[in-house]
N, C-alpha and C. Protein backbone atom coordinates (compact mmCIF):
# COMPACT_ATOMS: atom_id res chain seq x y z
N MET A 1 135.88 51.14 99.51
CA MET A 1 134.59 51.88 99.98
C MET A 1 134.08 51.12 100.88
N PRO A 2 133.92 51.93 102.07
CA PRO A 2 133.43 51.35 103.27
C PRO A 2 132.23 50.75 103.34
N TRP A 3 131.87 49.82 104.13
CA TRP A 3 130.47 49.12 104.38
C TRP A 3 130.12 49.58 105.78
N VAL A 4 128.88 50.28 106.01
CA VAL A 4 128.55 50.77 107.30
C VAL A 4 127.09 50.06 107.70
N THR A 5 126.76 50.27 109.14
CA THR A 5 125.58 50.02 109.49
C THR A 5 124.46 50.67 109.18
N VAL A 6 123.36 50.29 109.14
CA VAL A 6 122.16 51.04 108.79
C VAL A 6 121.97 52.34 109.46
N SER A 7 122.05 52.33 110.88
CA SER A 7 122.27 53.70 111.63
C SER A 7 123.21 54.66 111.07
N ARG A 8 124.45 54.05 110.76
CA ARG A 8 125.53 55.11 110.34
C ARG A 8 125.35 55.38 108.76
N ALA A 9 124.53 54.73 108.07
CA ALA A 9 124.16 55.07 106.71
C ALA A 9 123.20 56.13 106.74
N SER A 10 122.18 56.10 107.76
CA SER A 10 121.33 57.00 107.95
C SER A 10 121.86 58.37 108.40
N GLU A 11 122.72 58.40 109.05
CA GLU A 11 123.14 59.59 109.68
C GLU A 11 124.07 60.17 108.26
N LEU A 12 125.00 59.37 107.63
CA LEU A 12 125.52 59.90 106.44
C LEU A 12 124.55 60.60 105.46
N LEU A 13 123.70 59.59 105.05
CA LEU A 13 122.62 60.24 104.00
C LEU A 13 121.64 61.11 104.58
N THR A 14 121.65 61.56 105.69
CA THR A 14 120.61 62.29 106.56
C THR A 14 119.03 61.80 106.13
N ILE A 15 118.88 60.79 106.40
CA ILE A 15 117.45 60.14 106.18
C ILE A 15 117.27 59.12 107.26
N HIS A 16 116.08 58.69 107.41
CA HIS A 16 115.76 57.82 108.60
C HIS A 16 116.19 56.37 108.35
N THR A 17 116.49 55.77 109.47
CA THR A 17 116.66 54.34 109.20
C THR A 17 115.83 53.38 108.45
N ASN A 18 114.63 53.74 108.73
CA ASN A 18 113.56 52.92 107.77
C ASN A 18 113.75 53.27 106.47
N THR A 19 114.11 54.34 106.02
CA THR A 19 114.31 54.80 104.63
C THR A 19 115.47 53.98 103.94
N VAL A 20 116.60 53.93 104.94
CA VAL A 20 117.52 53.26 104.51
C VAL A 20 117.35 51.65 104.26
N ARG A 21 116.44 51.22 105.13
CA ARG A 21 116.15 49.61 105.15
C ARG A 21 115.12 49.49 103.73
N ARG A 22 114.39 50.64 103.55
CA ARG A 22 113.50 50.41 102.27
C ARG A 22 114.19 50.40 101.12
N ARG A 23 115.20 51.26 101.03
CA ARG A 23 116.10 51.55 99.86
C ARG A 23 116.84 50.19 99.57
N LEU A 24 117.39 49.64 100.72
CA LEU A 24 118.02 48.49 100.43
C LEU A 24 117.33 47.40 99.93
N THR A 25 116.10 47.19 100.58
CA THR A 25 115.07 46.27 99.99
C THR A 25 114.79 46.36 98.29
N SER A 26 114.50 47.61 97.99
CA SER A 26 114.32 48.07 96.67
C SER A 26 115.46 48.05 95.70
N GLY A 27 116.55 48.08 96.16
CA GLY A 27 117.72 48.03 95.41
C GLY A 27 118.42 49.40 95.02
N GLU A 28 117.78 50.51 95.60
CA GLU A 28 118.35 51.87 95.56
C GLU A 28 119.65 51.88 96.22
N LEU A 29 119.81 51.28 97.22
CA LEU A 29 121.09 51.37 97.93
C LEU A 29 121.64 49.98 97.80
N GLU A 30 123.18 49.81 97.81
CA GLU A 30 123.84 48.76 97.46
C GLU A 30 124.16 48.20 99.04
N GLY A 31 123.72 46.90 99.34
CA GLY A 31 123.86 46.55 100.85
C GLY A 31 123.96 44.93 100.69
N ARG A 32 124.42 44.52 102.12
CA ARG A 32 124.55 42.84 102.10
C ARG A 32 124.32 42.66 103.41
N LYS A 33 123.52 41.51 103.52
CA LYS A 33 123.03 41.19 104.79
C LYS A 33 124.39 40.45 105.69
N ASP A 34 124.65 40.78 107.00
CA ASP A 34 125.74 40.27 107.77
C ASP A 34 125.12 39.52 108.91
N GLY A 35 124.64 38.36 108.51
CA GLY A 35 123.79 37.44 109.89
C GLY A 35 122.54 38.38 109.80
N ALA A 36 122.08 39.13 110.88
CA ALA A 36 120.87 39.41 111.03
C ALA A 36 120.56 40.94 110.65
N ARG A 37 121.87 41.60 110.51
CA ARG A 37 121.93 42.89 110.36
C ARG A 37 122.25 43.21 108.80
N TRP A 38 121.84 44.38 108.44
CA TRP A 38 122.43 45.08 107.06
C TRP A 38 123.57 45.75 107.05
N LEU A 39 124.49 45.53 106.04
CA LEU A 39 125.58 46.52 105.83
C LEU A 39 125.40 47.34 104.61
N VAL A 40 125.53 48.51 104.60
CA VAL A 40 125.06 49.39 103.52
C VAL A 40 126.62 49.89 102.96
N HIS A 41 126.75 49.98 101.67
CA HIS A 41 127.98 50.43 101.04
C HIS A 41 127.67 52.09 100.61
N VAL A 42 128.68 52.51 101.43
CA VAL A 42 128.68 54.04 100.96
C VAL A 42 130.17 54.55 100.23
N ALA A 43 129.89 55.82 99.69
CA ALA A 43 131.02 56.10 99.10
C ALA A 43 132.02 56.74 99.90
N GLU A 44 133.37 56.72 99.56
CA GLU A 44 134.53 56.98 100.74
C GLU A 44 134.41 58.39 100.96
N ASP A 45 133.94 59.49 100.12
CA ASP A 45 133.81 60.66 100.32
C ASP A 45 132.62 61.09 101.37
N LEU A 46 131.74 60.21 101.28
CA LEU A 46 130.55 60.62 102.19
C LEU A 46 131.07 60.09 103.55
N GLU A 47 131.83 58.92 103.66
CA GLU A 47 132.04 58.51 104.90
C GLU A 47 133.07 59.43 105.75
N SER A 48 134.14 60.18 104.87
CA SER A 48 135.04 60.90 105.41
C SER A 48 134.53 62.24 105.78
N ARG A 49 133.51 62.54 105.13
CA ARG A 49 132.78 63.95 105.63
C ARG A 49 132.13 63.76 106.85
N ASN A 50 131.83 62.58 107.49
CA ASN A 50 131.44 62.34 108.83
C ASN A 50 129.87 62.80 108.87
N GLY A 51 129.20 62.88 107.88
CA GLY A 51 127.64 63.34 107.96
C GLY A 51 127.68 64.85 107.88
N ALA A 52 128.51 65.45 107.85
CA ALA A 52 128.34 67.12 108.00
C ALA A 52 128.05 67.47 106.56
N PRO A 53 127.14 68.26 106.21
CA PRO A 53 126.66 68.77 105.03
C PRO A 53 128.01 69.66 104.47
N ASP A 54 128.09 69.45 103.11
CA ASP A 54 129.35 70.12 102.46
C ASP A 54 128.76 71.36 101.67
N VAL A 55 128.53 72.50 102.84
CA VAL A 55 128.06 73.78 102.31
C VAL A 55 129.03 74.70 102.18
N GLY A 56 129.37 75.44 101.18
CA GLY A 56 130.40 76.43 101.14
C GLY A 56 129.68 77.69 101.88
N GLY A 57 130.82 78.37 102.27
CA GLY A 57 130.63 79.80 103.13
C GLY A 57 129.80 80.71 102.40
N ASP A 58 129.87 81.00 101.09
CA ASP A 58 129.04 81.88 100.36
C ASP A 58 127.58 81.60 100.21
N LEU A 59 127.32 80.16 99.96
CA LEU A 59 126.08 79.71 99.84
C LEU A 59 125.30 79.61 101.18
N LEU A 60 126.00 79.47 102.37
CA LEU A 60 125.53 79.30 103.84
C LEU A 60 125.11 80.65 104.18
N ALA A 61 125.78 81.78 103.81
CA ALA A 61 125.41 83.10 104.03
C ALA A 61 124.24 83.47 103.23
N PHE A 62 124.19 83.19 101.89
CA PHE A 62 123.07 83.23 101.00
C PHE A 62 121.83 82.90 101.87
N LEU A 63 121.97 81.61 102.06
CA LEU A 63 120.68 80.91 102.87
C LEU A 63 120.34 81.49 103.96
N GLN A 64 121.32 81.80 104.87
CA GLN A 64 120.80 82.68 106.16
C GLN A 64 120.11 84.06 105.96
N ASP A 65 120.69 84.75 104.88
CA ASP A 65 119.97 85.96 104.34
C ASP A 65 118.41 85.60 104.02
N GLN A 66 118.48 84.65 102.94
CA GLN A 66 117.03 84.12 102.55
C GLN A 66 115.99 84.07 103.85
N VAL A 67 116.63 83.39 104.84
CA VAL A 67 115.74 82.84 105.91
C VAL A 67 115.36 84.17 106.53
N ARG A 68 116.34 85.09 106.90
CA ARG A 68 116.04 86.10 107.60
C ARG A 68 114.90 87.06 106.92
N MET A 69 115.03 87.30 105.65
CA MET A 69 113.96 88.00 104.67
C MET A 69 112.81 87.41 104.81
N LYS A 70 112.62 85.81 104.81
CA LYS A 70 111.37 85.20 104.85
C LYS A 70 110.86 85.54 106.25
N ASP A 71 111.58 85.49 107.32
CA ASP A 71 111.07 85.76 108.64
C ASP A 71 110.49 87.23 108.69
N GLU A 72 110.93 88.10 108.18
CA GLU A 72 110.47 89.49 108.08
C GLU A 72 109.26 89.43 107.27
N GLN A 73 109.16 88.93 106.32
CA GLN A 73 107.87 88.59 105.38
C GLN A 73 106.91 88.01 106.23
N ILE A 74 107.22 87.04 107.02
CA ILE A 74 106.18 86.17 107.72
C ILE A 74 105.62 87.31 108.80
N GLY A 75 106.48 87.93 109.47
CA GLY A 75 106.16 88.85 110.47
C GLY A 75 105.15 89.91 109.89
N GLU A 76 105.37 90.65 108.63
CA GLU A 76 104.46 91.65 108.28
C GLU A 76 103.24 91.04 107.88
N LEU A 77 103.10 89.78 107.36
CA LEU A 77 102.04 89.06 106.85
C LEU A 77 101.10 88.84 108.24
N ILE A 78 101.61 88.21 109.13
CA ILE A 78 101.02 88.12 110.44
C ILE A 78 100.45 89.51 110.87
N TYR A 79 101.15 90.70 111.00
CA TYR A 79 100.64 91.81 111.53
C TYR A 79 99.17 92.24 110.36
N THR A 80 99.56 92.18 109.33
CA THR A 80 98.49 92.36 108.04
C THR A 80 97.34 91.63 108.39
N LEU A 81 97.48 90.25 108.60
CA LEU A 81 96.46 89.33 108.79
C LEU A 81 95.52 89.84 110.11
N ARG A 82 96.34 90.05 111.01
CA ARG A 82 95.66 90.56 112.24
C ARG A 82 94.88 91.83 111.90
N ASP A 83 95.41 92.91 111.45
CA ASP A 83 94.77 93.87 111.07
C ASP A 83 93.33 93.75 110.26
N LEU A 84 93.50 92.77 109.24
CA LEU A 84 92.34 92.62 108.40
C LEU A 84 91.30 91.89 109.18
N GLN A 85 91.65 91.00 109.97
CA GLN A 85 90.83 90.16 110.87
C GLN A 85 89.99 91.13 111.68
N ALA A 86 90.74 92.03 112.50
CA ALA A 86 90.00 93.05 113.18
C ALA A 86 89.13 93.92 112.58
N ARG A 87 89.32 94.22 111.42
CA ARG A 87 88.35 94.91 110.28
C ARG A 87 87.22 94.07 110.04
N ALA A 88 87.53 92.95 109.66
CA ALA A 88 86.45 92.09 108.98
C ALA A 88 85.40 91.42 109.78
N LEU A 89 85.85 91.04 111.11
CA LEU A 89 84.91 90.43 111.87
C LEU A 89 84.27 91.21 112.53
N PRO A 90 82.88 90.84 112.90
CA PRO A 90 82.05 91.75 113.46
C PRO A 90 82.23 91.69 115.00
N ALA A 91 81.88 92.83 115.67
CA ALA A 91 82.33 92.97 117.38
C ALA A 91 81.39 91.80 117.87
N PRO A 92 81.98 91.19 118.84
CA PRO A 92 81.30 90.10 119.56
C PRO A 92 79.99 90.44 119.96
N ARG A 93 78.96 89.85 119.93
CA ARG A 93 77.53 89.92 120.31
C ARG A 93 77.36 89.64 121.77
N ARG A 94 76.63 90.01 122.53
CA ARG A 94 76.20 89.84 123.85
C ARG A 94 75.21 88.66 123.82
N SER A 95 75.31 87.59 124.57
CA SER A 95 74.39 86.64 124.47
C SER A 95 72.92 86.98 125.32
N PHE A 96 72.00 86.17 124.81
CA PHE A 96 70.68 86.70 125.25
C PHE A 96 70.53 86.71 126.80
N TRP A 97 71.29 85.68 127.44
CA TRP A 97 71.28 85.42 128.79
C TRP A 97 72.11 86.66 129.38
N SER A 98 73.09 87.00 128.82
CA SER A 98 73.66 88.30 129.50
C SER A 98 73.22 89.44 129.41
N LYS A 99 72.26 89.68 128.47
CA LYS A 99 71.24 91.04 128.11
C LYS A 99 70.13 90.83 129.28
N LEU A 100 69.60 89.62 129.23
CA LEU A 100 68.59 89.50 130.31
C LEU A 100 68.88 89.61 131.80
N PHE A 101 70.10 89.18 132.27
CA PHE A 101 70.57 89.36 133.56
C PHE A 101 71.81 90.20 133.78
N ARG A 102 71.51 91.22 132.92
CA ARG A 102 72.89 92.17 133.17
C ARG A 102 72.66 92.90 134.35
N LYS A 103 73.83 93.30 134.83
CA LYS A 103 73.76 94.08 136.29
C LYS A 103 73.99 95.47 135.87
N GLY A 104 73.60 96.41 136.62
CA GLY A 104 73.61 97.80 136.62
C GLY A 104 72.81 98.42 135.61
């Protein structure tokens, strides 16, 4: 089981380096001090994965489809919101000064 630096552990775990350090001091992650730096103990399968998420093709396609559907819903909601705002908001009023000094 390999020991890696804090920066490498943050890449493998996809968390910030400060989070790795915080988890080391709280005991959530196994680690040891090597002089002034921390070494973090990670599982071999995590190290061999090289930080890439292990997502199956079916799951990835499903999630991409969900994102597309949510984008469409957001677009429809934006259109509806603009329409409702146009109907609900009163027409802008002219200021006193523009009425007083209007041309023509």
